[in-house]
Each structure stands twice: as structure tokens, then as C-alpha cells.
N, C-alpha and C. Protein backbone atom coordinates (compact mmCIF):
# COMPACT_ATOMS: atom_id res chain seq x y z
N MET A 1 9.50 251.29 -91.45
CA MET A 1 10.15 252.47 -91.04
C MET A 1 9.94 253.56 -91.98
N SER A 2 9.68 254.68 -91.38
CA SER A 2 9.41 255.94 -92.37
C SER A 2 10.67 256.51 -92.93
N THR A 3 10.53 256.72 -94.07
CA THR A 3 11.53 257.46 -94.93
C THR A 3 11.42 258.89 -95.04
N THR A 4 10.16 259.37 -94.47
CA THR A 4 9.82 260.74 -94.63
C THR A 4 10.71 261.52 -93.80
N PRO A 5 11.48 262.56 -94.19
CA PRO A 5 12.25 263.64 -93.43
C PRO A 5 11.44 264.27 -92.49
N ARG A 6 12.06 264.71 -91.25
CA ARG A 6 11.51 265.38 -90.31
C ARG A 6 11.56 266.78 -90.76
N PRO A 7 10.43 267.56 -90.59
CA PRO A 7 10.52 269.13 -90.96
C PRO A 7 11.38 269.94 -90.10
N THR A 8 11.85 270.81 -90.70
CA THR A 8 12.67 271.82 -90.18
C THR A 8 11.85 272.95 -89.45
N GLN A 9 12.68 273.74 -88.58
CA GLN A 9 11.93 274.84 -87.93
C GLN A 9 11.08 275.81 -89.06
N ASP A 10 11.73 275.92 -90.19
CA ASP A 10 11.30 276.65 -91.07
C ASP A 10 10.06 276.25 -91.88
N THR A 11 9.69 274.88 -91.84
CA THR A 11 8.68 274.51 -92.54
C THR A 11 7.43 274.31 -91.52
N ASP A 12 6.43 274.06 -92.29
CA ASP A 12 5.21 273.45 -91.68
C ASP A 12 5.34 272.33 -90.80
N PRO A 13 5.11 272.19 -89.51
CA PRO A 13 5.38 271.22 -88.82
C PRO A 13 4.67 269.73 -89.18
N PHE A 14 3.53 270.00 -89.93
CA PHE A 14 2.74 268.87 -90.05
C PHE A 14 2.50 268.60 -91.55
N ALA A 15 3.41 269.32 -92.54
CA ALA A 15 3.18 269.28 -93.97
C ALA A 15 3.25 267.75 -94.42
N ASP A 16 4.51 267.15 -93.93
CA ASP A 16 4.85 265.89 -94.35
C ASP A 16 3.59 264.77 -93.85
N LEU A 17 3.08 265.17 -92.67
CA LEU A 17 1.93 264.22 -92.34
C LEU A 17 0.63 264.45 -93.02
N LEU A 18 0.44 265.77 -93.23
CA LEU A 18 -0.80 266.00 -94.32
C LEU A 18 -0.62 265.40 -95.74
N ALA A 19 0.50 265.33 -96.22
CA ALA A 19 0.83 264.80 -97.59
C ALA A 19 0.60 263.45 -97.33
N ALA A 20 1.03 262.66 -96.35
CA ALA A 20 0.98 261.25 -96.37
C ALA A 20 -0.52 261.10 -96.21
N ASN A 21 -1.16 261.84 -95.32
CA ASN A 21 -2.59 261.55 -95.18
C ASN A 21 -3.52 261.41 -96.47
N VAL A 22 -2.91 262.51 -97.55
CA VAL A 22 -3.79 262.67 -98.59
C VAL A 22 -3.44 261.36 -99.49
N ARG A 23 -2.08 260.87 -99.54
CA ARG A 23 -1.80 259.62 -100.11
C ARG A 23 -2.68 258.26 -99.49
N TYR A 24 -2.73 258.29 -98.17
CA TYR A 24 -3.60 257.25 -97.50
C TYR A 24 -5.05 257.35 -97.93
N ALA A 25 -5.64 258.55 -97.79
CA ALA A 25 -7.06 258.58 -98.20
C ALA A 25 -7.27 258.21 -99.70
N GLU A 26 -6.40 258.43 -100.46
CA GLU A 26 -6.51 258.11 -101.97
C GLU A 26 -6.30 256.62 -102.16
N GLU A 27 -5.47 255.92 -101.29
CA GLU A 27 -5.24 254.44 -101.54
C GLU A 27 -6.31 253.65 -100.57
N ASN A 28 -7.05 254.18 -99.68
CA ASN A 28 -7.99 253.27 -98.78
C ASN A 28 -9.32 253.74 -98.98
N ASP A 29 -10.20 252.61 -99.17
CA ASP A 29 -11.61 252.96 -99.19
C ASP A 29 -12.18 252.91 -97.93
N LEU A 30 -12.35 253.92 -97.39
CA LEU A 30 -13.08 254.05 -96.04
C LEU A 30 -14.46 254.41 -95.88
N ASP A 31 -15.07 254.57 -96.81
CA ASP A 31 -16.38 254.89 -96.99
C ASP A 31 -17.15 253.66 -96.47
N GLY A 32 -18.21 254.06 -95.54
CA GLY A 32 -19.06 253.00 -95.17
C GLY A 32 -18.72 252.31 -93.86
N PHE A 33 -17.75 252.81 -93.25
CA PHE A 33 -17.25 252.18 -91.82
C PHE A 33 -18.46 253.04 -90.85
N ASP A 34 -18.92 252.26 -90.06
CA ASP A 34 -19.95 252.99 -89.02
C ASP A 34 -19.35 252.88 -87.66
N GLY A 35 -18.12 252.63 -87.54
CA GLY A 35 -17.47 252.70 -86.19
C GLY A 35 -17.83 251.52 -85.08
N ILE A 36 -18.46 250.66 -85.60
CA ILE A 36 -18.72 249.34 -84.90
C ILE A 36 -17.67 248.35 -85.26
N ALA A 37 -17.09 247.74 -84.08
CA ALA A 37 -15.96 246.86 -84.14
C ALA A 37 -16.37 245.60 -84.66
N ARG A 38 -16.12 245.47 -85.99
CA ARG A 38 -16.53 244.21 -86.89
C ARG A 38 -16.16 243.12 -86.39
N ALA A 39 -15.01 242.68 -85.69
CA ALA A 39 -14.64 241.47 -84.91
C ALA A 39 -14.88 241.51 -83.53
N GLY A 40 -15.56 242.39 -83.09
CA GLY A 40 -16.14 242.41 -81.70
C GLY A 40 -14.94 242.59 -80.64
N VAL A 41 -13.86 243.22 -80.86
CA VAL A 41 -12.61 243.23 -80.12
C VAL A 41 -12.21 244.43 -79.81
N ALA A 42 -11.87 244.75 -78.51
CA ALA A 42 -11.37 246.03 -77.98
C ALA A 42 -10.01 245.59 -77.35
N ILE A 43 -8.83 246.52 -77.72
CA ILE A 43 -7.36 246.30 -77.29
C ILE A 43 -7.10 247.45 -76.44
N VAL A 44 -6.45 247.35 -75.24
CA VAL A 44 -6.19 248.16 -74.39
C VAL A 44 -4.62 248.05 -74.23
N THR A 45 -3.85 248.97 -74.82
CA THR A 45 -2.36 248.54 -74.97
C THR A 45 -1.58 249.89 -74.69
N CYS A 46 -0.23 249.79 -74.74
CA CYS A 46 0.76 250.96 -74.45
C CYS A 46 0.75 251.71 -75.77
N MET A 47 1.11 252.99 -75.46
CA MET A 47 1.44 253.86 -76.71
C MET A 47 2.63 253.66 -77.39
N ASP A 48 3.27 252.73 -77.17
CA ASP A 48 4.75 252.48 -77.63
C ASP A 48 4.51 252.11 -79.01
N SER A 49 5.44 252.74 -79.85
CA SER A 49 5.33 252.70 -81.52
C SER A 49 5.79 251.46 -82.04
N ARG A 50 6.28 250.39 -81.11
CA ARG A 50 6.62 249.18 -81.66
C ARG A 50 5.48 248.31 -81.84
N ILE A 51 4.20 248.72 -81.24
CA ILE A 51 3.08 247.93 -81.20
C ILE A 51 2.18 248.32 -82.15
N GLU A 52 1.81 247.38 -82.98
CA GLU A 52 0.71 247.66 -84.05
C GLU A 52 -0.55 246.76 -83.67
N PRO A 53 -1.32 247.24 -82.86
CA PRO A 53 -2.23 246.33 -82.11
C PRO A 53 -3.23 245.73 -83.03
N LEU A 54 -3.72 246.33 -84.07
CA LEU A 54 -4.53 245.50 -85.03
C LEU A 54 -3.80 244.37 -85.79
N HIS A 55 -2.57 244.53 -86.39
CA HIS A 55 -1.77 243.58 -87.02
C HIS A 55 -1.41 242.46 -86.03
N LEU A 56 -1.19 242.58 -84.78
CA LEU A 56 -0.47 241.56 -83.92
C LEU A 56 -1.54 240.49 -83.76
N VAL A 57 -2.77 240.72 -83.89
CA VAL A 57 -3.75 239.79 -83.77
C VAL A 57 -4.66 239.47 -84.96
N GLY A 58 -3.84 239.76 -86.17
CA GLY A 58 -4.61 239.63 -87.58
C GLY A 58 -5.70 240.28 -87.73
N LEU A 59 -6.05 241.55 -87.34
CA LEU A 59 -7.10 242.47 -87.58
C LEU A 59 -6.83 243.39 -88.35
N THR A 60 -7.68 244.18 -89.10
CA THR A 60 -7.55 245.29 -89.95
C THR A 60 -8.46 246.65 -89.57
N HIS A 61 -8.50 247.57 -90.38
CA HIS A 61 -9.12 248.79 -90.00
C HIS A 61 -10.71 248.23 -89.86
N GLY A 62 -11.23 249.06 -88.93
CA GLY A 62 -12.68 248.59 -88.52
C GLY A 62 -12.81 247.38 -87.82
N ASP A 63 -11.96 246.63 -87.50
CA ASP A 63 -12.31 245.53 -86.85
C ASP A 63 -12.31 245.60 -85.15
N ALA A 64 -11.59 246.41 -84.80
CA ALA A 64 -11.45 246.60 -83.15
C ALA A 64 -11.47 248.01 -82.82
N LYS A 65 -11.76 248.16 -81.57
CA LYS A 65 -11.63 249.32 -80.80
C LYS A 65 -10.19 249.45 -80.12
N ILE A 66 -9.58 250.34 -80.41
CA ILE A 66 -8.16 250.57 -79.82
C ILE A 66 -8.00 251.58 -78.70
N PHE A 67 -7.44 251.35 -77.52
CA PHE A 67 -7.38 252.39 -76.41
C PHE A 67 -5.87 252.35 -76.05
N ARG A 68 -5.21 253.23 -75.89
CA ARG A 68 -3.65 253.21 -75.84
C ARG A 68 -3.26 254.40 -74.64
N ASN A 69 -2.42 253.95 -73.78
CA ASN A 69 -1.84 254.85 -72.85
C ASN A 69 -0.39 254.40 -72.39
N PRO A 70 0.23 255.20 -71.68
CA PRO A 70 1.60 254.68 -71.15
C PRO A 70 1.37 253.54 -70.37
N GLY A 71 2.06 252.47 -70.69
CA GLY A 71 1.98 251.09 -69.91
C GLY A 71 0.87 250.33 -70.16
N GLY A 72 -0.18 250.68 -71.14
CA GLY A 72 -1.32 249.91 -71.50
C GLY A 72 -2.17 249.52 -70.31
N ARG A 73 -2.51 250.37 -69.28
CA ARG A 73 -3.07 250.22 -67.91
C ARG A 73 -4.45 250.46 -68.13
N ILE A 74 -5.41 249.90 -67.24
CA ILE A 74 -6.77 249.94 -67.25
C ILE A 74 -6.96 251.17 -66.24
N THR A 75 -7.13 252.24 -66.84
CA THR A 75 -7.33 253.63 -66.26
C THR A 75 -8.96 253.99 -66.05
N GLU A 76 -9.28 254.98 -65.48
CA GLU A 76 -10.65 255.43 -65.57
C GLU A 76 -10.96 255.68 -67.00
N ALA A 77 -10.02 256.26 -67.70
CA ALA A 77 -10.59 256.64 -69.14
C ALA A 77 -10.58 255.29 -70.05
N ALA A 78 -9.86 254.28 -69.78
CA ALA A 78 -9.82 253.08 -70.37
C ALA A 78 -11.08 252.26 -70.16
N LEU A 79 -11.37 252.41 -68.67
CA LEU A 79 -12.83 251.75 -68.33
C LEU A 79 -13.83 252.36 -69.16
N GLU A 80 -13.87 253.79 -69.03
CA GLU A 80 -15.00 254.43 -69.86
C GLU A 80 -15.11 253.75 -71.40
N ALA A 81 -14.03 253.93 -71.93
CA ALA A 81 -13.95 253.40 -73.44
C ALA A 81 -14.39 252.01 -73.41
N LEU A 82 -14.00 251.18 -72.66
CA LEU A 82 -14.57 249.77 -72.56
C LEU A 82 -16.07 249.55 -72.48
N VAL A 83 -16.68 250.46 -71.50
CA VAL A 83 -18.04 250.39 -71.16
C VAL A 83 -18.64 250.83 -72.52
N LEU A 84 -18.22 252.01 -73.16
CA LEU A 84 -18.91 252.35 -74.32
C LEU A 84 -18.84 251.30 -75.52
N SER A 85 -17.58 250.74 -75.68
CA SER A 85 -17.37 249.67 -76.72
C SER A 85 -18.22 248.43 -76.48
N VAL A 86 -18.19 247.93 -75.15
CA VAL A 86 -19.28 246.69 -75.06
C VAL A 86 -20.72 247.15 -75.28
N HIS A 87 -21.09 248.16 -74.93
CA HIS A 87 -22.65 248.63 -75.01
C HIS A 87 -23.03 249.18 -76.10
N LEU A 88 -22.30 249.95 -77.01
CA LEU A 88 -22.41 250.58 -78.07
C LEU A 88 -21.77 250.20 -79.24
N LEU A 89 -20.52 249.47 -79.09
CA LEU A 89 -19.85 249.19 -80.40
C LEU A 89 -19.36 247.96 -80.73
N ASN A 90 -20.31 246.91 -80.31
CA ASN A 90 -20.28 245.56 -80.53
C ASN A 90 -19.24 244.78 -79.95
N VAL A 91 -18.57 245.20 -78.97
CA VAL A 91 -17.30 244.49 -78.36
C VAL A 91 -17.93 243.47 -77.47
N ASP A 92 -17.38 242.32 -77.71
CA ASP A 92 -17.60 240.99 -76.61
C ASP A 92 -16.16 240.51 -76.21
N ARG A 93 -15.06 241.01 -76.60
CA ARG A 93 -13.73 240.26 -76.38
C ARG A 93 -12.75 241.63 -76.14
N ILE A 94 -12.15 241.42 -74.90
CA ILE A 94 -11.29 242.68 -74.76
C ILE A 94 -9.87 242.07 -74.30
N LEU A 95 -9.00 242.58 -75.01
CA LEU A 95 -7.50 242.33 -74.71
C LEU A 95 -6.88 243.39 -73.89
N VAL A 96 -6.26 243.13 -72.80
CA VAL A 96 -5.34 244.14 -72.00
C VAL A 96 -3.94 243.51 -72.41
N VAL A 97 -3.09 244.69 -72.79
CA VAL A 97 -1.81 244.10 -73.56
C VAL A 97 -0.58 245.02 -73.37
N PRO A 98 0.06 244.94 -72.11
CA PRO A 98 1.25 245.86 -72.01
C PRO A 98 2.45 244.98 -72.78
N HIS A 99 3.62 245.35 -72.57
CA HIS A 99 4.57 244.79 -73.57
C HIS A 99 5.96 244.72 -72.75
N THR A 100 6.84 243.98 -73.15
CA THR A 100 8.27 243.73 -72.66
C THR A 100 8.86 245.04 -72.87
N ARG A 101 9.73 245.13 -72.21
CA ARG A 101 10.70 246.20 -72.33
C ARG A 101 10.06 247.71 -72.28
N CYS A 102 8.91 247.71 -71.62
CA CYS A 102 8.22 249.02 -71.53
C CYS A 102 9.14 249.88 -70.38
N ALA A 103 9.18 251.17 -70.65
CA ALA A 103 9.77 252.18 -69.76
C ALA A 103 8.96 252.54 -68.74
N MET A 104 7.69 252.15 -68.65
CA MET A 104 6.80 252.30 -67.44
C MET A 104 6.86 251.02 -66.34
N ALA A 105 7.52 250.00 -66.96
CA ALA A 105 7.89 249.00 -66.11
C ALA A 105 9.39 248.76 -65.80
N GLN A 106 10.08 249.50 -66.21
CA GLN A 106 11.63 249.57 -66.17
C GLN A 106 12.04 250.67 -65.10
N MET A 107 11.36 251.72 -64.85
CA MET A 107 11.73 252.85 -63.96
C MET A 107 10.80 252.91 -62.58
N SER A 108 11.32 253.37 -61.54
CA SER A 108 10.37 253.78 -60.43
C SER A 108 9.74 255.06 -60.94
N GLU A 109 8.75 255.53 -60.11
CA GLU A 109 8.19 256.74 -60.29
C GLU A 109 9.34 258.05 -60.00
N ASP A 110 10.20 257.75 -59.25
CA ASP A 110 11.24 258.96 -58.91
C ASP A 110 12.12 258.85 -60.17
N GLU A 111 12.55 257.86 -60.71
CA GLU A 111 13.38 257.56 -61.81
C GLU A 111 12.92 258.26 -63.08
N LEU A 112 11.67 258.05 -63.12
CA LEU A 112 10.99 258.57 -64.30
C LEU A 112 10.90 260.10 -64.21
N ARG A 113 10.53 260.50 -63.22
CA ARG A 113 10.48 261.96 -62.84
C ARG A 113 11.71 262.72 -63.05
N ALA A 114 12.81 261.97 -62.68
CA ALA A 114 14.24 262.50 -62.60
C ALA A 114 14.54 262.62 -64.21
N LYS A 115 14.05 261.82 -64.74
CA LYS A 115 14.52 261.70 -66.23
C LYS A 115 13.86 262.69 -66.92
N VAL A 116 12.55 262.84 -66.75
CA VAL A 116 11.74 263.99 -67.38
C VAL A 116 12.17 265.37 -66.99
N THR A 117 12.63 265.47 -65.68
CA THR A 117 13.35 266.70 -65.34
C THR A 117 14.61 267.03 -66.04
N GLU A 118 15.45 266.08 -66.25
CA GLU A 118 16.57 266.22 -66.72
C GLU A 118 16.59 266.62 -68.27
N VAL A 119 15.60 266.00 -69.06
CA VAL A 119 15.43 266.17 -70.51
C VAL A 119 14.59 267.53 -70.71
N SER A 120 13.55 267.73 -69.63
CA SER A 120 12.93 268.95 -70.02
C SER A 120 13.57 270.31 -69.49
N GLY A 121 14.51 270.08 -68.44
CA GLY A 121 14.96 271.29 -67.75
C GLY A 121 13.99 271.88 -66.87
N MET A 122 12.85 271.24 -66.67
CA MET A 122 11.77 271.67 -65.53
C MET A 122 11.48 270.69 -64.57
N ASP A 123 11.23 271.30 -63.34
CA ASP A 123 10.97 270.22 -62.22
C ASP A 123 9.70 269.39 -62.47
N ALA A 124 9.88 268.19 -62.77
CA ALA A 124 8.74 267.34 -62.99
C ALA A 124 8.26 266.61 -61.81
N TRP A 125 8.62 266.70 -60.52
CA TRP A 125 8.47 266.08 -59.32
C TRP A 125 6.86 266.06 -59.13
N TRP A 126 6.13 266.90 -59.47
CA TRP A 126 4.76 267.02 -59.39
C TRP A 126 3.93 265.89 -60.12
N GLN A 127 4.44 265.66 -61.38
CA GLN A 127 3.76 264.86 -62.29
C GLN A 127 3.81 263.37 -61.93
N HIS A 128 2.51 262.69 -61.94
CA HIS A 128 2.50 261.30 -61.62
C HIS A 128 2.53 260.50 -62.95
N PHE A 129 3.09 259.69 -63.02
CA PHE A 129 3.40 258.77 -64.33
C PHE A 129 2.79 257.46 -64.17
N HIS A 130 2.45 257.07 -63.18
CA HIS A 130 1.74 255.42 -62.95
C HIS A 130 2.83 254.33 -63.48
N VAL A 131 3.82 254.42 -62.97
CA VAL A 131 4.66 253.37 -63.34
C VAL A 131 4.29 252.12 -62.78
N VAL A 132 4.80 250.91 -63.46
CA VAL A 132 4.32 249.57 -63.30
C VAL A 132 5.19 248.76 -62.53
N PRO A 133 5.51 248.83 -61.11
CA PRO A 133 6.71 248.05 -60.65
C PRO A 133 6.63 246.44 -60.90
N ASP A 134 5.57 245.91 -60.87
CA ASP A 134 5.35 244.42 -61.27
C ASP A 134 4.32 244.32 -62.40
N GLN A 135 4.88 244.12 -63.59
CA GLN A 135 4.03 243.97 -64.64
C GLN A 135 2.86 242.95 -64.75
N ARG A 136 3.38 241.82 -64.37
CA ARG A 136 2.31 240.85 -64.26
C ARG A 136 1.10 240.88 -63.29
N ALA A 137 1.56 241.36 -61.98
CA ALA A 137 0.68 241.57 -60.98
C ALA A 137 -0.23 242.79 -61.38
N ALA A 138 0.07 243.80 -62.16
CA ALA A 138 -0.43 244.82 -62.60
C ALA A 138 -1.64 244.51 -63.71
N LEU A 139 -1.11 243.42 -64.48
CA LEU A 139 -2.03 242.79 -65.59
C LEU A 139 -3.04 242.21 -64.87
N VAL A 140 -2.78 241.39 -63.90
CA VAL A 140 -3.89 240.45 -63.26
C VAL A 140 -4.86 241.53 -62.67
N GLU A 141 -4.47 242.63 -61.86
CA GLU A 141 -5.32 243.35 -61.34
C GLU A 141 -6.17 244.31 -62.50
N ASP A 142 -5.42 244.63 -63.71
CA ASP A 142 -6.33 245.38 -64.56
C ASP A 142 -7.53 244.52 -65.19
N VAL A 143 -6.91 243.18 -65.32
CA VAL A 143 -7.97 242.45 -65.97
C VAL A 143 -9.30 242.25 -64.73
N ARG A 144 -9.00 242.08 -63.56
CA ARG A 144 -9.91 242.08 -62.60
C ARG A 144 -10.61 243.18 -62.42
N ARG A 145 -10.04 244.48 -62.67
CA ARG A 145 -10.78 245.77 -62.79
C ARG A 145 -11.83 245.68 -64.02
N VAL A 146 -11.53 245.14 -64.96
CA VAL A 146 -12.66 244.99 -66.12
C VAL A 146 -13.58 244.21 -65.88
N THR A 147 -13.22 242.84 -65.63
CA THR A 147 -14.32 241.86 -65.38
C THR A 147 -15.35 242.27 -64.10
N SER A 148 -14.84 242.86 -63.32
CA SER A 148 -15.56 243.15 -62.13
C SER A 148 -16.47 244.61 -62.27
N HIS A 149 -16.15 245.17 -63.28
CA HIS A 149 -16.88 246.41 -63.49
C HIS A 149 -18.37 246.05 -63.79
N PRO A 150 -19.27 246.82 -63.13
CA PRO A 150 -20.75 246.25 -63.14
C PRO A 150 -21.36 246.37 -64.71
N LEU A 151 -20.88 247.25 -65.43
CA LEU A 151 -21.25 247.53 -66.91
C LEU A 151 -20.60 246.60 -67.87
N VAL A 152 -19.59 245.96 -67.39
CA VAL A 152 -18.83 244.95 -68.35
C VAL A 152 -19.04 243.52 -67.88
N HIS A 153 -19.11 243.34 -66.68
CA HIS A 153 -18.97 241.93 -66.07
C HIS A 153 -20.25 241.11 -66.97
N GLY A 154 -19.80 240.08 -67.27
CA GLY A 154 -20.67 239.02 -67.96
C GLY A 154 -21.14 239.36 -69.32
N ARG A 155 -20.59 240.57 -69.84
CA ARG A 155 -20.98 240.84 -71.17
C ARG A 155 -19.67 240.95 -72.18
N ALA A 156 -18.58 240.51 -71.72
CA ALA A 156 -17.30 240.50 -72.66
C ALA A 156 -16.47 239.50 -71.83
N ARG A 157 -15.75 238.81 -72.73
CA ARG A 157 -14.47 237.91 -72.37
C ARG A 157 -13.47 238.86 -72.23
N VAL A 158 -12.48 238.67 -71.26
CA VAL A 158 -11.41 239.47 -71.00
C VAL A 158 -10.29 238.74 -70.92
N GLY A 159 -9.24 239.10 -71.44
CA GLY A 159 -7.86 238.33 -71.31
C GLY A 159 -6.76 239.30 -71.35
N GLY A 160 -5.64 238.88 -70.53
CA GLY A 160 -4.51 239.81 -70.10
C GLY A 160 -3.36 239.01 -70.63
N PHE A 161 -2.63 239.76 -71.66
CA PHE A 161 -1.70 239.29 -72.52
C PHE A 161 -0.26 240.33 -72.29
N ILE A 162 0.75 239.58 -72.38
CA ILE A 162 2.03 240.44 -72.58
C ILE A 162 2.68 240.33 -73.94
N TYR A 163 2.74 241.51 -74.68
CA TYR A 163 3.26 241.31 -76.03
C TYR A 163 4.94 241.39 -76.09
N ASP A 164 5.51 240.66 -76.62
CA ASP A 164 6.94 240.57 -76.57
C ASP A 164 7.38 241.44 -77.75
N VAL A 165 7.95 242.40 -77.67
CA VAL A 165 8.35 243.39 -78.79
C VAL A 165 9.50 242.93 -79.60
N ASP A 166 10.31 242.02 -79.05
CA ASP A 166 11.16 241.36 -79.93
C ASP A 166 10.91 240.26 -80.73
N THR A 167 9.69 239.36 -80.31
CA THR A 167 9.40 238.14 -80.88
C THR A 167 8.11 238.40 -81.78
N GLY A 168 7.33 239.40 -81.36
CA GLY A 168 6.08 239.80 -81.77
C GLY A 168 4.98 238.88 -81.30
N LEU A 169 5.26 237.69 -80.24
CA LEU A 169 4.29 236.96 -79.65
C LEU A 169 3.65 237.62 -78.66
N LEU A 170 2.41 237.02 -78.28
CA LEU A 170 1.64 237.51 -77.13
C LEU A 170 1.61 236.28 -76.40
N GLU A 171 1.87 236.60 -75.02
CA GLU A 171 1.75 235.23 -73.94
C GLU A 171 0.74 235.60 -73.26
N GLN A 172 -0.29 234.75 -73.04
CA GLN A 172 -1.49 235.05 -72.03
C GLN A 172 -1.24 234.84 -70.72
N VAL A 173 -1.30 235.61 -70.12
CA VAL A 173 -1.03 235.75 -68.47
C VAL A 173 -2.37 235.46 -67.71
N VAL A 174 -3.49 236.06 -68.10
CA VAL A 174 -4.92 235.92 -67.55
C VAL A 174 -5.84 235.50 -68.67
């Protein structure tokens, strides 16, 4: 958990993060990384801050390609990233990993729009959020989308997992 105080309106909103970045750069040897996924892994998961995609499967910096979005869905952008990963970045294993207690799976599209409208004070009824009414069915469909993509099919093994944010365990669904 971060102990860094949040900046006030009178300070540079990024000063704390830039200071932390300097410490990170001093403590980590990043020289020589070529962008290739050393473990041959790509992970598509949710943007939820409870998920540390590398750590949850025992990997470290440089081992995998990570793609995050709300709900951990296989979107067109995710497919684009996976095609590039498979053909140019050494990926031969793909994990699709949504998680338990995901807001995208707990609200309807209308409920989420209403919540954003309430919090923002602006009408958000035009915004589409791609909620997930049935997380398991969506995961099966997402894995099918990846495995049937002509530029991925037969070139990578694909698994669908649900990450339990309370136990830290992955459950393989597909």
C-alpha cells in the first residue's frame, strides 16, 4: 500500500510520481531489455488495481506482455496487441484473466451509466461501458475470439481464468 501523500491543488500533481520514478530507476537495472516476452506469455486482464498480473503467475519485469482494460475483455485493441505479441514479441501462451468482484460484472450498463452520471454531474447515457452480465460466458467467448483469430489460431495456447481478488488464486475456466 502506498504511503506517499496525494498532492494538493497547490502542488505539481505528478511530483510524487516522478520522485518515485527516480527511485525506481536507481533501484532497477533495466538496461538491455528488448521488449520480447522472455517467458512467452501475454496476459489480458482488468485495470483493477488489486491485480498484479506478473506477480500472480510468478513472473517478473520483461517476462510477459500485459494488456489491461475494464473487465479484462478481448476487445479489438486487445486482439491487435495479441497479434503483435504472437508474431513479433515471442508470445506463445495467452491468459485471459477477468476477476471476482469486478464492477463491470456487477452492474448493468444502465446502472453504471447512472453511477457515472451521478458522480460526474454530467449525463453519461451516451457512453458505452461494455459491462459483463455473465462473466463465465464472456470469458468462454473471449477465449474463442482469440483462438479463432486467423493470425493467432494455432500459434499460441490460450487459457481463460478468473482471478479471485480475495484469495489470490486463479481458477481455470477454459
